[in-house]
PDB file of N, CA and C in Angstrom:
ATOM      1  N   MET A   1       3.115  -2.119 -71.690  1.00  0.00           N
ATOM      2  CA  MET A   1       2.367  -2.194 -70.451  1.00  0.00           C
ATOM      3  C   MET A   1       1.290  -1.105 -70.496  1.00  0.00           C
ATOM      4  N   ASN A   2       0.049  -1.484 -70.291  1.00  0.00           N
ATOM      5  CA  ASN A   2      -1.029  -0.502 -70.326  1.00  0.00           C
ATOM      6  C   ASN A   2      -1.414  -0.078 -68.907  1.00  0.00           C
ATOM      7  N   MET A   3      -2.347   0.823 -68.807  1.00  0.00           N
ATOM      8  CA  MET A   3      -2.748   1.373 -67.510  1.00  0.00           C
ATOM      9  C   MET A   3      -3.352   0.300 -66.599  1.00  0.00           C
ATOM     10  N   LYS A   4      -4.084  -0.646 -67.194  1.00  0.00           N
ATOM     11  CA  LYS A   4      -4.698  -1.699 -66.385  1.00  0.00           C
ATOM     12  C   LYS A   4      -3.619  -2.542 -65.709  1.00  0.00           C
ATOM     13  N   ASP A   5      -2.551  -2.848 -66.418  1.00  0.00           N
ATOM     14  CA  ASP A   5      -1.448  -3.622 -65.837  1.00  0.00           C
ATOM     15  C   ASP A   5      -0.771  -2.857 -64.709  1.00  0.00           C
ATOM     16  N   ILE A   6      -0.619  -1.560 -64.887  1.00  0.00           N
ATOM     17  CA  ILE A   6       0.022  -0.733 -63.857  1.00  0.00           C
ATOM     18  C   ILE A   6      -0.827  -0.719 -62.587  1.00  0.00           C
ATOM     19  N   PHE A   7      -2.153  -0.511 -62.754  1.00  0.00           N
ATOM     20  CA  PHE A   7      -3.035  -0.502 -61.590  1.00  0.00           C
ATOM     21  C   PHE A   7      -3.051  -1.860 -60.899  1.00  0.00           C
ATOM     22  N   THR A   8      -3.041  -2.946 -61.682  1.00  0.00           N
ATOM     23  CA  THR A   8      -3.024  -4.281 -61.099  1.00  0.00           C
ATOM     24  C   THR A   8      -1.747  -4.506 -60.309  1.00  0.00           C
ATOM     25  N   PHE A   9      -0.612  -4.056 -60.856  1.00  0.00           N
ATOM     26  CA  PHE A   9       0.668  -4.196 -60.165  1.00  0.00           C
ATOM     27  C   PHE A   9       0.636  -3.494 -58.812  1.00  0.00           C
ATOM     28  N   PHE A  10       0.177  -2.236 -58.791  1.00  0.00           N
ATOM     29  CA  PHE A  10       0.150  -1.492 -57.531  1.00  0.00           C
ATOM     30  C   PHE A  10      -0.897  -2.042 -56.564  1.00  0.00           C
ATOM     31  N   LYS A  11      -1.990  -2.576 -57.103  1.00  0.00           N
ATOM     32  CA  LYS A  11      -2.999  -3.179 -56.240  1.00  0.00           C
ATOM     33  C   LYS A  11      -2.431  -4.410 -55.548  1.00  0.00           C
ATOM     34  N   LEU A  12      -1.694  -5.237 -56.273  1.00  0.00           N
ATOM     35  CA  LEU A  12      -1.079  -6.420 -55.682  1.00  0.00           C
ATOM     36  C   LEU A  12      -0.052  -6.026 -54.636  1.00  0.00           C
ATOM     37  N   LYS A  13       0.723  -4.988 -54.895  1.00  0.00           N
ATOM     38  CA  LYS A  13       1.697  -4.503 -53.912  1.00  0.00           C
ATOM     39  C   LYS A  13       0.988  -4.045 -52.644  1.00  0.00           C
ATOM     40  N   ALA A  14      -0.131  -3.335 -52.797  1.00  0.00           N
ATOM     41  CA  ALA A  14      -0.876  -2.842 -51.640  1.00  0.00           C
ATOM     42  C   ALA A  14      -1.461  -4.006 -50.843  1.00  0.00           C
ATOM     43  N   VAL A  15      -1.969  -5.026 -51.521  1.00  0.00           N
ATOM     44  CA  VAL A  15      -2.520  -6.187 -50.833  1.00  0.00           C
ATOM     45  C   VAL A  15      -1.412  -6.914 -50.082  1.00  0.00           C
ATOM     46  N   TYR A  16      -0.228  -7.079 -50.712  1.00  0.00           N
ATOM     47  CA  TYR A  16       0.906  -7.719 -50.049  1.00  0.00           C
ATOM     48  C   TYR A  16       1.326  -6.925 -48.812  1.00  0.00           C
ATOM     49  N   ALA A  17       1.372  -5.601 -48.949  1.00  0.00           N
ATOM     50  CA  ALA A  17       1.764  -4.764 -47.818  1.00  0.00           C
ATOM     51  C   ALA A  17       0.761  -4.890 -46.678  1.00  0.00           C
ATOM     52  N   ALA A  18      -0.530  -4.936 -47.005  1.00  0.00           N
ATOM     53  CA  ALA A  18      -1.551  -5.080 -45.964  1.00  0.00           C
ATOM     54  C   ALA A  18      -1.435  -6.441 -45.279  1.00  0.00           C
ATOM     55  N   ASP A  19      -1.139  -7.491 -46.050  1.00  0.00           N
ATOM     56  CA  ASP A  19      -0.967  -8.819 -45.455  1.00  0.00           C
ATOM     57  C   ASP A  19       0.227  -8.843 -44.513  1.00  0.00           C
ATOM     58  N   VAL A  20       1.331  -8.233 -44.924  1.00  0.00           N
ATOM     59  CA  VAL A  20       2.526  -8.200 -44.087  1.00  0.00           C
ATOM     60  C   VAL A  20       2.256  -7.395 -42.830  1.00  0.00           C
ATOM     61  N   TRP A  21       1.561  -6.264 -42.979  1.00  0.00           N
ATOM     62  CA  TRP A  21       1.245  -5.391 -41.844  1.00  0.00           C
ATOM     63  C   TRP A  21       0.396  -6.159 -40.833  1.00  0.00           C
ATOM     64  N   ASN A  22      -0.640  -6.845 -41.324  1.00  0.00           N
ATOM     65  CA  ASN A  22      -1.570  -7.544 -40.437  1.00  0.00           C
ATOM     66  C   ASN A  22      -0.980  -8.816 -39.838  1.00  0.00           C
ATOM     67  N   SER A  23       0.039  -9.394 -40.489  1.00  0.00           N
ATOM     68  CA  SER A  23       0.614 -10.636 -39.981  1.00  0.00           C
ATOM     69  C   SER A  23       1.558 -10.398 -38.818  1.00  0.00           C
ATOM     70  N   GLY A  24       1.914  -9.155 -38.560  1.00  0.00           N
ATOM     71  CA  GLY A  24       2.740  -8.851 -37.399  1.00  0.00           C
ATOM     72  C   GLY A  24       4.220  -8.759 -37.685  1.00  0.00           C
ATOM     73  N   GLY A  25       4.615  -8.708 -38.916  1.00  0.00           N
ATOM     74  CA  GLY A  25       6.029  -8.496 -39.199  1.00  0.00           C
ATOM     75  C   GLY A  25       6.607  -9.556 -40.082  1.00  0.00           C
ATOM     76  N   GLY A  26       7.890  -9.746 -39.933  1.00  0.00           N
ATOM     77  CA  GLY A  26       8.605 -10.673 -40.778  1.00  0.00           C
ATOM     78  C   GLY A  26       9.388  -9.900 -41.820  1.00  0.00           C
ATOM     79  N   GLU A  27       9.912 -10.652 -42.782  1.00  0.00           N
ATOM     80  CA  GLU A  27      10.684 -10.000 -43.838  1.00  0.00           C
ATOM     81  C   GLU A  27       9.759  -9.151 -44.691  1.00  0.00           C
ATOM     82  N   GLY A  28      10.134  -7.941 -44.942  1.00  0.00           N
ATOM     83  CA  GLY A  28       9.316  -7.031 -45.733  1.00  0.00           C
ATOM     84  C   GLY A  28       8.222  -6.360 -44.929  1.00  0.00           C
ATOM     85  N   ALA A  29       8.276  -6.458 -43.606  1.00  0.00           N
ATOM     86  CA  ALA A  29       7.246  -5.849 -42.765  1.00  0.00           C
ATOM     87  C   ALA A  29       7.324  -4.336 -42.852  1.00  0.00           C
ATOM     88  N   ILE A  30       6.202  -3.706 -42.722  1.00  0.00           N
ATOM     89  CA  ILE A  30       6.115  -2.253 -42.794  1.00  0.00           C
ATOM     90  C   ILE A  30       5.997  -1.697 -41.381  1.00  0.00           C
ATOM     91  N   ASP A  31       6.872  -0.772 -41.044  1.00  0.00           N
ATOM     92  CA  ASP A  31       6.799  -0.132 -39.740  1.00  0.00           C
ATOM     93  C   ASP A  31       5.730   0.945 -39.754  1.00  0.00           C
ATOM     94  N   ASN A  32       5.215   1.251 -38.585  1.00  0.00           N
ATOM     95  CA  ASN A  32       4.234   2.316 -38.445  1.00  0.00           C
ATOM     96  C   ASN A  32       4.905   3.641 -38.788  1.00  0.00           C
ATOM     97  N   PRO A  33       4.482   4.329 -39.850  1.00  0.00           N
ATOM     98  CA  PRO A  33       5.156   5.561 -40.254  1.00  0.00           C
ATOM     99  C   PRO A  33       4.947   6.720 -39.282  1.00  0.00           C
ATOM    100  N   LEU A  34       3.908   6.663 -38.464  1.00  0.00           N
ATOM    101  CA  LEU A  34       3.645   7.755 -37.538  1.00  0.00           C
ATOM    102  C   LEU A  34       4.445   7.654 -36.250  1.00  0.00           C
ATOM    103  N   ARG A  35       4.944   6.469 -35.926  1.00  0.00           N
ATOM    104  CA  ARG A  35       5.699   6.220 -34.696  1.00  0.00           C
ATOM    105  C   ARG A  35       4.855   6.390 -33.440  1.00  0.00           C
ATOM    106  N   TYR A  36       3.567   6.503 -33.561  1.00  0.00           N
ATOM    107  CA  TYR A  36       2.695   6.687 -32.412  1.00  0.00           C
ATOM    108  C   TYR A  36       1.679   5.552 -32.388  1.00  0.00           C
ATOM    109  N   GLY A  37       1.461   5.002 -31.211  1.00  0.00           N
ATOM    110  CA  GLY A  37       0.562   3.868 -31.099  1.00  0.00           C
ATOM    111  C   GLY A  37      -0.875   4.234 -30.788  1.00  0.00           C
ATOM    112  N   SER A  38      -1.100   5.458 -30.301  1.00  0.00           N
ATOM    113  CA  SER A  38      -2.463   5.848 -29.955  1.00  0.00           C
ATOM    114  C   SER A  38      -2.681   7.315 -30.333  1.00  0.00           C
ATOM    115  N   LEU A  39      -3.935   7.715 -30.273  1.00  0.00           N
ATOM    116  CA  LEU A  39      -4.279   9.094 -30.600  1.00  0.00           C
ATOM    117  C   LEU A  39      -3.673  10.054 -29.586  1.00  0.00           C
ATOM    118  N   ARG A  40      -3.641   9.643 -28.325  1.00  0.00           N
ATOM    119  CA  ARG A  40      -3.061  10.494 -27.285  1.00  0.00           C
ATOM    120  C   ARG A  40      -1.575  10.727 -27.548  1.00  0.00           C
ATOM    121  N   ASP A  41      -0.870   9.670 -27.949  1.00  0.00           N
ATOM    122  CA  ASP A  41       0.550   9.812 -28.262  1.00  0.00           C
ATOM    123  C   ASP A  41       0.758  10.734 -29.468  1.00  0.00           C
ATOM    124  N   LEU A  42      -0.116  10.599 -30.463  1.00  0.00           N
ATOM    125  CA  LEU A  42      -0.025  11.452 -31.646  1.00  0.00           C
ATOM    126  C   LEU A  42      -0.241  12.912 -31.276  1.00  0.00           C
ATOM    127  N   LEU A  43      -1.268  13.198 -30.470  1.00  0.00           N
ATOM    128  CA  LEU A  43      -1.530  14.577 -30.055  1.00  0.00           C
ATOM    129  C   LEU A  43      -0.391  15.136 -29.212  1.00  0.00           C
ATOM    130  N   ALA A  44       0.187  14.308 -28.353  1.00  0.00           N
ATOM    131  CA  ALA A  44       1.321  14.758 -27.548  1.00  0.00           C
ATOM    132  C   ALA A  44       2.531  15.051 -28.439  1.00  0.00           C
ATOM    133  N   GLY A  45       2.731  14.245 -29.468  1.00  0.00           N
ATOM    134  CA  GLY A  45       3.824  14.498 -30.404  1.00  0.00           C
ATOM    135  C   GLY A  45       3.630  15.789 -31.177  1.00  0.00           C
ATOM    136  N   ILE A  46       2.392  16.054 -31.605  1.00  0.00           N
ATOM    137  CA  ILE A  46       2.094  17.303 -32.309  1.00  0.00           C
ATOM    138  C   ILE A  46       2.309  18.488 -31.385  1.00  0.00           C
ATOM    139  N   ALA A  47       1.873  18.375 -30.131  1.00  0.00           N
ATOM    140  CA  ALA A  47       2.060  19.463 -29.171  1.00  0.00           C
ATOM    141  C   ALA A  47       3.545  19.730 -28.942  1.00  0.00           C
ATOM    142  N   GLY A  48       4.343  18.679 -28.873  1.00  0.00           N
ATOM    143  CA  GLY A  48       5.783  18.854 -28.707  1.00  0.00           C
ATOM    144  C   GLY A  48       6.408  19.591 -29.876  1.00  0.00           C
ATOM    145  N   GLN A  49       5.949  19.277 -31.079  1.00  0.00           N
ATOM    146  CA  GLN A  49       6.466  19.980 -32.255  1.00  0.00           C
ATOM    147  C   GLN A  49       6.002  21.437 -32.270  1.00  0.00           C
ATOM    148  N   LEU A  50       4.790  21.680 -31.787  1.00  0.00           N
ATOM    149  CA  LEU A  50       4.311  23.062 -31.710  1.00  0.00           C
ATOM    150  C   LEU A  50       5.174  23.900 -30.770  1.00  0.00           C
ATOM    151  N   TYR A  51       5.606  23.301 -29.657  1.00  0.00           N
ATOM    152  CA  TYR A  51       6.483  24.030 -28.739  1.00  0.00           C
ATOM    153  C   TYR A  51       7.789  24.398 -29.425  1.00  0.00           C
ATOM    154  N   ILE A  52       8.345  23.446 -30.160  1.00  0.00           N
ATOM    155  CA  ILE A  52       9.618  23.687 -30.837  1.00  0.00           C
ATOM    156  C   ILE A  52       9.493  24.827 -31.846  1.00  0.00           C
ATOM    157  N   ILE A  53       8.361  24.911 -32.510  1.00  0.00           N
ATOM    158  CA  ILE A  53       8.145  25.973 -33.500  1.00  0.00           C
ATOM    159  C   ILE A  53       7.751  27.282 -32.827  1.00  0.00           C
ATOM    160  N   ALA A  54       6.907  27.215 -31.793  1.00  0.00           N
ATOM    161  CA  ALA A  54       6.324  28.419 -31.198  1.00  0.00           C
ATOM    162  C   ALA A  54       7.320  29.246 -30.400  1.00  0.00           C
ATOM    163  N   ILE A  55       8.230  28.605 -29.701  1.00  0.00           N
ATOM    164  CA  ILE A  55       9.143  29.355 -28.837  1.00  0.00           C
ATOM    165  C   ILE A  55      10.002  30.350 -29.627  1.00  0.00           C
ATOM    166  N   PRO A  56      10.647  29.951 -30.737  1.00  0.00           N
ATOM    167  CA  PRO A  56      11.410  30.954 -31.492  1.00  0.00           C
ATOM    168  C   PRO A  56      10.528  32.034 -32.123  1.00  0.00           C
ATOM    169  N   ILE A  57       9.330  31.634 -32.576  1.00  0.00           N
ATOM    170  CA  ILE A  57       8.443  32.626 -33.198  1.00  0.00           C
ATOM    171  C   ILE A  57       8.007  33.667 -32.179  1.00  0.00           C
ATOM    172  N   VAL A  58       7.634  33.233 -30.975  1.00  0.00           N
ATOM    173  CA  VAL A  58       7.232  34.177 -29.928  1.00  0.00           C
ATOM    174  C   VAL A  58       8.391  35.103 -29.575  1.00  0.00           C
ATOM    175  N   THR A  59       9.577  34.549 -29.467  1.00  0.00           N
ATOM    176  CA  THR A  59      10.750  35.368 -29.143  1.00  0.00           C
ATOM    177  C   THR A  59      10.974  36.430 -30.201  1.00  0.00           C
ATOM    178  N   ILE A  60      10.906  36.048 -31.463  1.00  0.00           N
ATOM    179  CA  ILE A  60      11.119  37.001 -32.553  1.00  0.00           C
ATOM    180  C   ILE A  60      10.031  38.066 -32.556  1.00  0.00           C
ATOM    181  N   MET A  61       8.781  37.662 -32.347  1.00  0.00           N
ATOM    182  CA  MET A  61       7.681  38.639 -32.378  1.00  0.00           C
ATOM    183  C   MET A  61       7.761  39.619 -31.209  1.00  0.00           C
ATOM    184  N   VAL A  62       8.152  39.148 -30.031  1.00  0.00           N
ATOM    185  CA  VAL A  62       8.308  40.051 -28.884  1.00  0.00           C
ATOM    186  C   VAL A  62       9.450  41.030 -29.154  1.00  0.00           C
ATOM    187  N   LEU A  63      10.540  40.535 -29.698  1.00  0.00           N
ATOM    188  CA  LEU A  63      11.657  41.437 -30.033  1.00  0.00           C
ATOM    189  C   LEU A  63      11.257  42.450 -31.102  1.00  0.00           C
ATOM    190  N   TYR A  64      10.470  42.015 -32.077  1.00  0.00           N
ATOM    191  CA  TYR A  64      10.007  42.937 -33.115  1.00  0.00           C
ATOM    192  C   TYR A  64       9.075  44.003 -32.519  1.00  0.00           C
ATOM    193  N   GLY A  65       8.177  43.584 -31.631  1.00  0.00           N
ATOM    194  CA  GLY A  65       7.292  44.556 -30.972  1.00  0.00           C
ATOM    195  C   GLY A  65       8.081  45.540 -30.135  1.00  0.00           C
ATOM    196  N   ALA A  66       9.101  45.050 -29.433  1.00  0.00           N
ATOM    197  CA  ALA A  66       9.948  45.944 -28.641  1.00  0.00           C
ATOM    198  C   ALA A  66      10.721  46.896 -29.544  1.00  0.00           C
ATOM    199  N   PHE A  67      11.182  46.408 -30.690  1.00  0.00           N
ATOM    200  CA  PHE A  67      11.878  47.273 -31.650  1.00  0.00           C
ATOM    201  C   PHE A  67      10.956  48.382 -32.146  1.00  0.00           C
ATOM    202  N   LEU A  68       9.693  48.034 -32.424  1.00  0.00           N
ATOM    203  CA  LEU A  68       8.733  49.057 -32.870  1.00  0.00           C
ATOM    204  C   LEU A  68       8.527  50.112 -31.791  1.00  0.00           C
ATOM    205  N   ILE A  69       8.459  49.683 -30.552  1.00  0.00           N
ATOM    206  CA  ILE A  69       8.250  50.636 -29.459  1.00  0.00           C
ATOM    207  C   ILE A  69       9.483  51.514 -29.273  1.00  0.00           C
ATOM    208  N   LEU A  70      10.658  50.917 -29.330  1.00  0.00           N
ATOM    209  CA  LEU A  70      11.887  51.693 -29.115  1.00  0.00           C
ATOM    210  C   LEU A  70      12.162  52.689 -30.231  1.00  0.00           C
ATOM    211  N   THR A  71      11.721  52.384 -31.428  1.00  0.00           N
ATOM    212  CA  THR A  71      12.006  53.254 -32.572  1.00  0.00           C
ATOM    213  C   THR A  71      10.767  54.008 -33.033  1.00  0.00           C
ATOM    214  N   MET A  72       9.839  54.271 -32.119  1.00  0.00           N
ATOM    215  CA  MET A  72       8.589  54.904 -32.533  1.00  0.00           C
ATOM    216  C   MET A  72       8.784  56.362 -32.938  1.00  0.00           C
ATOM    217  N   GLY A  73       9.747  57.045 -32.386  1.00  0.00           N
ATOM    218  CA  GLY A  73      10.029  58.419 -32.790  1.00  0.00           C
ATOM    219  C   GLY A  73       8.851  59.369 -32.617  1.00  0.00           C
ATOM    220  N   GLY A  74       8.054  59.175 -31.594  1.00  0.00           N
ATOM    221  CA  GLY A  74       6.926  60.061 -31.333  1.00  0.00           C
ATOM    222  C   GLY A  74       5.663  59.679 -32.088  1.00  0.00           C
ATOM    223  N   ASP A  75       5.679  58.606 -32.839  1.00  0.00           N
ATOM    224  CA  ASP A  75       4.509  58.176 -33.601  1.00  0.00           C
ATOM    225  C   ASP A  75       3.655  57.254 -32.732  1.00  0.00           C
ATOM    226  N   PRO A  76       2.456  57.708 -32.297  1.00  0.00           N
ATOM    227  CA  PRO A  76       1.627  56.867 -31.426  1.00  0.00           C
ATOM    228  C   PRO A  76       1.110  55.612 -32.134  1.00  0.00           C
ATOM    229  N   GLY A  77       0.998  55.646 -33.434  1.00  0.00           N
ATOM    230  CA  GLY A  77       0.546  54.468 -34.176  1.00  0.00           C
ATOM    231  C   GLY A  77       1.559  53.339 -34.099  1.00  0.00           C
ATOM    232  N   ARG A  78       2.826  53.708 -34.135  1.00  0.00           N
ATOM    233  CA  ARG A  78       3.891  52.701 -34.039  1.00  0.00           C
ATOM    234  C   ARG A  78       3.942  52.094 -32.629  1.00  0.00           C
ATOM    235  N   LEU A  79       3.667  52.920 -31.622  1.00  0.00           N
ATOM    236  CA  LEU A  79       3.608  52.422 -30.249  1.00  0.00           C
ATOM    237  C   LEU A  79       2.499  51.390 -30.106  1.00  0.00           C
ATOM    238  N   GLU A  80       1.338  51.703 -30.637  1.00  0.00           N
ATOM    239  CA  GLU A  80       0.206  50.773 -30.560  1.00  0.00           C
ATOM    240  C   GLU A  80       0.497  49.479 -31.314  1.00  0.00           C
ATOM    241  N   ARG A  81       1.129  49.598 -32.495  1.00  0.00           N
ATOM    242  CA  ARG A  81       1.478  48.401 -33.261  1.00  0.00           C
ATOM    243  C   ARG A  81       2.446  47.514 -32.494  1.00  0.00           C
ATOM    244  N   GLY A  82       3.405  48.119 -31.820  1.00  0.00           N
ATOM    245  CA  GLY A  82       4.358  47.358 -31.014  1.00  0.00           C
ATOM    246  C   GLY A  82       3.691  46.650 -29.853  1.00  0.00           C
ATOM    247  N   LYS A  83       2.786  47.361 -29.169  1.00  0.00           N
ATOM    248  CA  LYS A  83       2.058  46.761 -28.054  1.00  0.00           C
ATOM    249  C   LYS A  83       1.206  45.586 -28.521  1.00  0.00           C
ATOM    250  N   LYS A  84       0.492  45.782 -29.636  1.00  0.00           N
ATOM    251  CA  LYS A  84      -0.365  44.720 -30.155  1.00  0.00           C
ATOM    252  C   LYS A  84       0.451  43.511 -30.612  1.00  0.00           C
ATOM    253  N   THR A  85       1.607  43.763 -31.200  1.00  0.00           N
ATOM    254  CA  THR A  85       2.462  42.658 -31.629  1.00  0.00           C
ATOM    255  C   THR A  85       2.891  41.806 -30.439  1.00  0.00           C
ATOM    256  N   ILE A  86       3.312  42.456 -29.375  1.00  0.00           N
ATOM    257  CA  ILE A  86       3.724  41.721 -28.174  1.00  0.00           C
ATOM    258  C   ILE A  86       2.531  41.002 -27.554  1.00  0.00           C
ATOM    259  N   LEU A  87       1.396  41.675 -27.459  1.00  0.00           N
ATOM    260  CA  LEU A  87       0.201  41.066 -26.880  1.00  0.00           C
ATOM    261  C   LEU A  87      -0.243  39.839 -27.664  1.00  0.00           C
ATOM    262  N   TYR A  88      -0.305  39.943 -28.994  1.00  0.00           N
ATOM    263  CA  TYR A  88      -0.754  38.817 -29.813  1.00  0.00           C
ATOM    264  C   TYR A  88       0.244  37.668 -29.782  1.00  0.00           C
ATOM    265  N   ALA A  89       1.524  37.972 -29.670  1.00  0.00           N
ATOM    266  CA  ALA A  89       2.529  36.912 -29.557  1.00  0.00           C
ATOM    267  C   ALA A  89       2.334  36.137 -28.254  1.00  0.00           C
ATOM    268  N   ILE A  90       2.080  36.844 -27.179  1.00  0.00           N
ATOM    269  CA  ILE A  90       1.868  36.186 -25.893  1.00  0.00           C
ATOM    270  C   ILE A  90       0.568  35.384 -25.896  1.00  0.00           C
ATOM    271  N   ILE A  91      -0.494  35.932 -26.465  1.00  0.00           N
ATOM    272  CA  ILE A  91      -1.765  35.203 -26.560  1.00  0.00           C
ATOM    273  C   ILE A  91      -1.589  33.942 -27.403  1.00  0.00           C
ATOM    274  N   GLY A  92      -0.865  34.049 -28.500  1.00  0.00           N
ATOM    275  CA  GLY A  92      -0.615  32.878 -29.341  1.00  0.00           C
ATOM    276  C   GLY A  92       0.149  31.797 -28.609  1.00  0.00           C
ATOM    277  N   PHE A  93       1.135  32.202 -27.814  1.00  0.00           N
ATOM    278  CA  PHE A  93       1.911  31.226 -27.060  1.00  0.00           C
ATOM    279  C   PHE A  93       1.055  30.564 -25.985  1.00  0.00           C
ATOM    280  N   ILE A  94       0.167  31.316 -25.365  1.00  0.00           N
ATOM    281  CA  ILE A  94      -0.744  30.739 -24.378  1.00  0.00           C
ATOM    282  C   ILE A  94      -1.651  29.702 -25.043  1.00  0.00           C
ATOM    283  N   VAL A  95      -2.115  29.989 -26.255  1.00  0.00           N
ATOM    284  CA  VAL A  95      -2.946  29.026 -26.987  1.00  0.00           C
ATOM    285  C   VAL A  95      -2.166  27.740 -27.243  1.00  0.00           C
ATOM    286  N   VAL A  96      -0.887  27.865 -27.611  1.00  0.00           N
ATOM    287  CA  VAL A  96      -0.060  26.680 -27.843  1.00  0.00           C
ATOM    288  C   VAL A  96       0.123  25.892 -26.543  1.00  0.00           C
ATOM    289  N   LEU A  97       0.323  26.585 -25.433  1.00  0.00           N
ATOM    290  CA  LEU A  97       0.469  25.900 -24.148  1.00  0.00           C
ATOM    291  C   LEU A  97      -0.812  25.159 -23.760  1.00  0.00           C
ATOM    292  N   VAL A  98      -1.947  25.794 -23.977  1.00  0.00           N
ATOM    293  CA  VAL A  98      -3.229  25.151 -23.665  1.00  0.00           C
ATOM    294  C   VAL A  98      -3.443  23.947 -24.581  1.00  0.00           C
ATOM    295  N   ALA A  99      -3.067  24.074 -25.859  1.00  0.00           N
ATOM    296  CA  ALA A  99      -3.223  22.960 -26.796  1.00  0.00           C
ATOM    297  C   ALA A  99      -2.379  21.769 -26.372  1.00  0.00           C
ATOM    298  N   GLY A 100      -1.261  22.008 -25.726  1.00  0.00           N
ATOM    299  CA  GLY A 100      -0.425  20.918 -25.244  1.00  0.00           C
ATOM    300  C   GLY A 100      -1.078  20.138 -24.124  1.00  0.00           C
ATOM    301  N   GLY A 101      -1.985  20.749 -23.387  1.00  0.00           N
ATOM    302  CA  GLY A 101      -2.665  20.063 -22.295  1.00  0.00           C
ATOM    303  C   GLY A 101      -3.920  19.334 -22.711  1.00  0.00           C
ATOM    304  N   ILE A 102      -4.344  19.481 -23.948  1.00  0.00           N
ATOM    305  CA  ILE A 102      -5.586  18.858 -24.406  1.00  0.00           C
ATOM    306  C   ILE A 102      -5.525  17.328 -24.364  1.00  0.00           C
ATOM    307  N   PRO A 103      -4.419  16.676 -24.785  1.00  0.00           N
ATOM    308  CA  PRO A 103      -4.414  15.197 -24.686  1.00  0.00           C
ATOM    309  C   PRO A 103      -4.628  14.696 -23.263  1.00  0.00           C
ATOM    310  N   SER A 104      -4.031  15.341 -22.275  1.00  0.00           N
ATOM    311  CA  SER A 104      -4.226  14.923 -20.879  1.00  0.00           C
ATOM    312  C   SER A 104      -5.673  15.152 -20.450  1.00  0.00           C
ATOM    313  N   LEU A 105      -6.239  16.258 -20.875  1.00  0.00           N
ATOM    314  CA  LEU A 105      -7.635  16.558 -20.550  1.00  0.00           C
ATOM    315  C   LEU A 105      -8.580  15.522 -21.157  1.00  0.00           C
ATOM    316  N   ILE A 106      -8.337  15.163 -22.404  1.00  0.00           N
ATOM    317  CA  ILE A 106      -9.178  14.158 -23.060  1.00  0.00           C
ATOM    318  C   ILE A 106      -9.064  12.822 -22.340  1.00  0.00           C
ATOM    319  N   GLN A 107      -7.857  12.464 -21.936  1.00  0.00           N
ATOM    320  CA  GLN A 107      -7.658  11.186 -21.245  1.00  0.00           C
ATOM    321  C   GLN A 107      -8.380  11.189 -19.896  1.00  0.00           C
ATOM    322  N   GLN A 108      -8.317  12.289 -19.176  1.00  0.00           N
ATOM    323  CA  GLN A 108      -8.990  12.354 -17.874  1.00  0.00           C
ATOM    324  C   GLN A 108     -10.504  12.319 -18.030  1.00  0.00           C
ATOM    325  N   LEU A 109     -11.027  12.985 -19.065  1.00  0.00           N
ATOM    326  CA  LEU A 109     -12.473  12.978 -19.276  1.00  0.00           C
ATOM    327  C   LEU A 109     -12.958  11.619 -19.741  1.00  0.00           C
ATOM    328  N   ALA A 110     -12.121  10.897 -20.496  1.00  0.00           N
ATOM    329  CA  ALA A 110     -12.532   9.593 -21.019  1.00  0.00           C
ATOM    330  C   ALA A 110     -12.501   8.499 -19.958  1.00  0.00           C
ATOM    331  N   SER A 111     -11.692   8.687 -18.915  1.00  0.00           N
ATOM    332  CA  SER A 111     -11.595   7.604 -17.919  1.00  0.00           C
ATOM    333  C   SER A 111     -12.447   7.864 -16.701  1.00  0.00           C
TER     334      SER A 111
END
């Protein structure tokens, strides 16, 4: 089997898959791999996953900043690092919260 035969085989498979997809189902039908029917649903799904990831990260970063402050031992540089860590963690979480509202904003502006 040469490379041309391999490409032809995969091309035929892709054409068959496209025909099954466009025909609306049946045996061998391909499901939508994204599970989302519209762009708004996709953005809402991404925002939901961001919340799941962001909440533990923010918690860990705030605890780390508090640890730096509690163990500063008179070092003002460590105090500043702790404050900045907590501040940036909170700012990052606010950005994630705002990003979650973007699909609703786009929908309201479009209608």
